[in-house]
Amino acid sequence: MFDEITGMLRAVLDDQGLDEVEMVRDTRFHDDLDLESIDLVTLGGQLAARYGERVNFAEFLAGLELEEIIYLTIGQLVDYVVGCLRQTGEC
């Protein structure tokens, strides 16, 4: 799951030269990857295309405070996606 999510992030941020950025569970969307709100929308679209209604990224973000969104990590997103898929018996 981690590899799928980091692959999506690399695709979203392809033009920002992320080849040199090491992505680990603690990599932060804002501080480490410089994701902007439009990037989050694009990532949400990729998640929806891959997982359909089982993973609702917009709903996930809506449940977070602004500070939590700023400090969001790849690991937190991976955990969220895995949790959604477990609920549907697909993980």
N, C-alpha and C. Protein backbone atom coordinates (compact mmCIF):
# COMPACT_ATOMS: atom_id res chain seq x y z
N MET A 1 0.83 -1.19 0.00
CA MET A 1 0.00 0.00 0.00
C MET A 1 0.87 1.25 0.00
N PHE A 2 1.93 1.22 0.78
CA PHE A 2 2.85 2.36 0.85
C PHE A 2 3.38 2.70 -0.55
N ASP A 3 3.78 1.70 -1.29
CA ASP A 3 4.33 1.93 -2.63
C ASP A 3 3.28 2.52 -3.58
N GLU A 4 2.03 2.07 -3.45
CA GLU A 4 0.96 2.63 -4.29
C GLU A 4 0.76 4.12 -3.99
N ILE A 5 0.72 4.45 -2.71
CA ILE A 5 0.50 5.84 -2.31
C ILE A 5 1.67 6.72 -2.73
N THR A 6 2.89 6.26 -2.52
CA THR A 6 4.04 7.08 -2.92
C THR A 6 4.11 7.21 -4.44
N GLY A 7 3.68 6.18 -5.16
CA GLY A 7 3.61 6.28 -6.61
C GLY A 7 2.64 7.36 -7.05
N MET A 8 1.49 7.43 -6.38
CA MET A 8 0.51 8.47 -6.69
C MET A 8 1.09 9.85 -6.39
N LEU A 9 1.76 9.96 -5.25
CA LEU A 9 2.36 11.25 -4.89
C LEU A 9 3.42 11.67 -5.90
N ARG A 10 4.23 10.75 -6.32
CA ARG A 10 5.25 11.07 -7.33
C ARG A 10 4.60 11.52 -8.64
N ALA A 11 3.49 10.89 -9.00
CA ALA A 11 2.78 11.28 -10.22
C ALA A 11 2.19 12.68 -10.08
N VAL A 12 1.62 12.97 -8.92
CA VAL A 12 1.02 14.28 -8.67
C VAL A 12 2.09 15.37 -8.72
N LEU A 13 3.24 15.07 -8.16
CA LEU A 13 4.31 16.08 -8.04
C LEU A 13 5.44 15.85 -9.03
N ASP A 14 5.14 15.23 -10.14
CA ASP A 14 6.14 14.85 -11.14
C ASP A 14 7.03 16.01 -11.56
N ASP A 15 6.48 17.18 -11.71
CA ASP A 15 7.25 18.32 -12.20
C ASP A 15 8.05 19.04 -11.12
N GLN A 16 8.00 18.54 -9.88
CA GLN A 16 8.71 19.21 -8.79
C GLN A 16 10.02 18.53 -8.42
N GLY A 17 10.47 17.57 -9.20
CA GLY A 17 11.76 16.95 -8.96
C GLY A 17 11.85 16.13 -7.70
N LEU A 18 10.88 15.27 -7.47
CA LEU A 18 10.87 14.46 -6.25
C LEU A 18 11.75 13.22 -6.33
N ASP A 19 12.46 13.07 -7.41
CA ASP A 19 13.31 11.89 -7.55
C ASP A 19 14.32 11.77 -6.42
N GLU A 20 14.74 12.92 -5.90
CA GLU A 20 15.76 12.93 -4.86
C GLU A 20 15.17 12.86 -3.45
N VAL A 21 13.87 13.04 -3.33
CA VAL A 21 13.22 13.04 -2.02
C VAL A 21 12.93 11.61 -1.60
N GLU A 22 13.44 11.25 -0.42
CA GLU A 22 13.15 9.93 0.12
C GLU A 22 11.78 9.99 0.79
N MET A 23 10.90 9.11 0.36
CA MET A 23 9.57 9.07 0.94
C MET A 23 9.51 7.92 1.93
N VAL A 24 9.20 8.28 3.17
CA VAL A 24 9.04 7.31 4.25
C VAL A 24 7.70 7.60 4.92
N ARG A 25 7.31 6.77 5.85
CA ARG A 25 6.01 6.96 6.52
C ARG A 25 5.89 8.34 7.18
N ASP A 26 7.00 8.88 7.67
CA ASP A 26 6.97 10.16 8.38
C ASP A 26 7.11 11.37 7.46
N THR A 27 7.22 11.15 6.16
CA THR A 27 7.32 12.27 5.22
C THR A 27 6.04 13.08 5.27
N ARG A 28 6.18 14.37 5.49
CA ARG A 28 5.02 15.26 5.63
C ARG A 28 4.65 15.84 4.27
N PHE A 29 3.35 15.91 4.04
CA PHE A 29 2.85 16.45 2.77
C PHE A 29 3.29 17.90 2.57
N HIS A 30 3.17 18.71 3.60
CA HIS A 30 3.45 20.13 3.46
C HIS A 30 4.94 20.43 3.60
N ASP A 31 5.54 20.05 4.70
CA ASP A 31 6.93 20.42 4.98
C ASP A 31 7.94 19.74 4.06
N ASP A 32 7.72 18.47 3.77
CA ASP A 32 8.71 17.72 3.00
C ASP A 32 8.42 17.69 1.50
N LEU A 33 7.14 17.65 1.13
CA LEU A 33 6.77 17.51 -0.28
C LEU A 33 6.23 18.79 -0.89
N ASP A 34 6.00 19.80 -0.07
CA ASP A 34 5.46 21.08 -0.54
C ASP A 34 4.14 20.93 -1.28
N LEU A 35 3.30 20.00 -0.84
CA LEU A 35 1.99 19.83 -1.47
C LEU A 35 1.14 21.07 -1.22
N GLU A 36 0.44 21.48 -2.23
CA GLU A 36 -0.50 22.59 -2.12
C GLU A 36 -1.91 22.03 -2.23
N SER A 37 -2.89 22.88 -2.00
CA SER A 37 -4.27 22.40 -1.98
C SER A 37 -4.68 21.76 -3.32
N ILE A 38 -4.22 22.30 -4.43
CA ILE A 38 -4.55 21.71 -5.72
C ILE A 38 -3.94 20.32 -5.86
N ASP A 39 -2.77 20.11 -5.25
CA ASP A 39 -2.14 18.79 -5.27
C ASP A 39 -2.97 17.79 -4.47
N LEU A 40 -3.56 18.26 -3.36
CA LEU A 40 -4.42 17.38 -2.56
C LEU A 40 -5.66 16.98 -3.35
N VAL A 41 -6.20 17.91 -4.13
CA VAL A 41 -7.36 17.61 -4.97
C VAL A 41 -6.98 16.56 -6.01
N THR A 42 -5.83 16.74 -6.64
CA THR A 42 -5.36 15.79 -7.65
C THR A 42 -5.12 14.42 -7.02
N LEU A 43 -4.50 14.39 -5.84
CA LEU A 43 -4.28 13.13 -5.14
C LEU A 43 -5.61 12.46 -4.82
N GLY A 44 -6.57 13.25 -4.37
CA GLY A 44 -7.90 12.71 -4.09
C GLY A 44 -8.52 12.07 -5.32
N GLY A 45 -8.32 12.69 -6.47
CA GLY A 45 -8.82 12.13 -7.72
C GLY A 45 -8.16 10.80 -8.06
N GLN A 46 -6.86 10.72 -7.82
CA GLN A 46 -6.15 9.47 -8.08
C GLN A 46 -6.61 8.37 -7.12
N LEU A 47 -6.81 8.72 -5.87
CA LEU A 47 -7.30 7.74 -4.90
C LEU A 47 -8.69 7.25 -5.29
N ALA A 48 -9.55 8.17 -5.73
CA ALA A 48 -10.90 7.80 -6.15
C ALA A 48 -10.86 6.90 -7.39
N ALA A 49 -9.97 7.22 -8.32
CA ALA A 49 -9.85 6.40 -9.53
C ALA A 49 -9.38 4.99 -9.20
N ARG A 50 -8.50 4.87 -8.23
CA ARG A 50 -7.94 3.57 -7.86
C ARG A 50 -8.87 2.76 -6.94
N TYR A 51 -9.47 3.43 -5.96
CA TYR A 51 -10.22 2.72 -4.93
C TYR A 51 -11.73 2.98 -4.95
N GLY A 52 -12.17 3.89 -5.77
CA GLY A 52 -13.59 4.19 -5.84
C GLY A 52 -14.11 4.79 -4.55
N GLU A 53 -15.36 4.50 -4.25
CA GLU A 53 -16.01 5.07 -3.07
C GLU A 53 -15.50 4.50 -1.76
N ARG A 54 -14.70 3.44 -1.84
CA ARG A 54 -14.18 2.82 -0.60
C ARG A 54 -13.25 3.76 0.15
N VAL A 55 -12.59 4.66 -0.57
CA VAL A 55 -11.64 5.60 0.04
C VAL A 55 -12.09 7.01 -0.32
N ASN A 56 -12.55 7.76 0.69
CA ASN A 56 -13.04 9.11 0.47
C ASN A 56 -12.04 10.09 1.09
N PHE A 57 -11.08 10.51 0.28
CA PHE A 57 -10.01 11.39 0.76
C PHE A 57 -10.55 12.73 1.22
N ALA A 58 -11.53 13.28 0.51
CA ALA A 58 -12.10 14.57 0.90
C ALA A 58 -12.75 14.48 2.28
N GLU A 59 -13.45 13.39 2.53
CA GLU A 59 -14.08 13.19 3.84
C GLU A 59 -13.01 13.05 4.93
N PHE A 60 -11.94 12.34 4.61
CA PHE A 60 -10.83 12.18 5.54
C PHE A 60 -10.25 13.55 5.91
N LEU A 61 -9.97 14.37 4.91
CA LEU A 61 -9.41 15.70 5.18
C LEU A 61 -10.39 16.59 5.94
N ALA A 62 -11.68 16.47 5.63
CA ALA A 62 -12.69 17.28 6.30
C ALA A 62 -12.76 16.99 7.79
N GLY A 63 -12.37 15.79 8.18
CA GLY A 63 -12.38 15.41 9.58
C GLY A 63 -11.15 15.87 10.36
N LEU A 64 -10.22 16.52 9.67
CA LEU A 64 -8.98 16.97 10.31
C LEU A 64 -9.00 18.47 10.56
N GLU A 65 -8.31 18.89 11.59
CA GLU A 65 -8.09 20.31 11.84
C GLU A 65 -7.01 20.80 10.87
N LEU A 66 -6.94 22.10 10.64
CA LEU A 66 -5.96 22.67 9.71
C LEU A 66 -4.53 22.24 10.07
N GLU A 67 -4.20 22.29 11.33
CA GLU A 67 -2.85 21.91 11.76
C GLU A 67 -2.57 20.44 11.45
N GLU A 68 -3.57 19.59 11.61
CA GLU A 68 -3.40 18.18 11.30
C GLU A 68 -3.18 17.96 9.81
N ILE A 69 -3.84 18.76 8.99
CA ILE A 69 -3.64 18.66 7.55
C ILE A 69 -2.22 19.12 7.19
N ILE A 70 -1.77 20.19 7.80
CA ILE A 70 -0.43 20.70 7.54
C ILE A 70 0.63 19.65 7.89
N TYR A 71 0.43 18.92 8.97
CA TYR A 71 1.42 17.93 9.42
C TYR A 71 1.10 16.51 8.97
N LEU A 72 0.16 16.36 8.04
CA LEU A 72 -0.22 15.04 7.54
C LEU A 72 0.98 14.33 6.93
N THR A 73 1.11 13.04 7.24
CA THR A 73 2.23 12.25 6.73
C THR A 73 1.74 11.18 5.77
N ILE A 74 2.66 10.66 5.01
CA ILE A 74 2.34 9.56 4.11
C ILE A 74 1.80 8.38 4.92
N GLY A 75 2.42 8.09 6.05
CA GLY A 75 1.99 6.98 6.88
C GLY A 75 0.55 7.11 7.34
N GLN A 76 0.13 8.32 7.67
CA GLN A 76 -1.26 8.53 8.09
C GLN A 76 -2.22 8.25 6.94
N LEU A 77 -1.85 8.66 5.74
CA LEU A 77 -2.71 8.38 4.59
C LEU A 77 -2.75 6.89 4.30
N VAL A 78 -1.61 6.24 4.37
CA VAL A 78 -1.57 4.79 4.15
C VAL A 78 -2.47 4.09 5.17
N ASP A 79 -2.36 4.48 6.43
CA ASP A 79 -3.20 3.87 7.47
C ASP A 79 -4.68 4.09 7.20
N TYR A 80 -5.02 5.28 6.74
CA TYR A 80 -6.42 5.59 6.42
C TYR A 80 -6.92 4.69 5.29
N VAL A 81 -6.14 4.59 4.22
CA VAL A 81 -6.55 3.77 3.07
C VAL A 81 -6.68 2.31 3.48
N VAL A 82 -5.72 1.80 4.21
CA VAL A 82 -5.78 0.40 4.68
C VAL A 82 -7.01 0.20 5.54
N GLY A 83 -7.32 1.14 6.44
CA GLY A 83 -8.50 1.04 7.28
C GLY A 83 -9.78 1.00 6.46
N CYS A 84 -9.86 1.84 5.44
CA CYS A 84 -11.04 1.84 4.57
C CYS A 84 -11.20 0.51 3.85
N LEU A 85 -10.11 -0.01 3.34
CA LEU A 85 -10.17 -1.26 2.61
C LEU A 85 -10.47 -2.44 3.54
N ARG A 86 -10.00 -2.37 4.77
CA ARG A 86 -10.34 -3.44 5.74
C ARG A 86 -11.83 -3.45 6.04
N GLN A 87 -12.42 -2.27 6.10
CA GLN A 87 -13.86 -2.19 6.37
C GLN A 87 -14.68 -2.85 5.28
N THR A 88 -14.14 -2.85 4.08
CA THR A 88 -14.85 -3.47 2.96
C THR A 88 -14.38 -4.90 2.71
N GLY A 89 -13.46 -5.38 3.57
CA GLY A 89 -12.96 -6.74 3.46
C GLY A 89 -11.97 -6.94 2.32
N GLU A 90 -11.35 -5.86 1.85
CA GLU A 90 -10.46 -5.95 0.72
C GLU A 90 -8.99 -5.85 1.12
N CYS A 91 -8.72 -5.83 2.39
CA CYS A 91 -7.33 -5.72 2.82
C CYS A 91 -7.08 -6.63 4.00
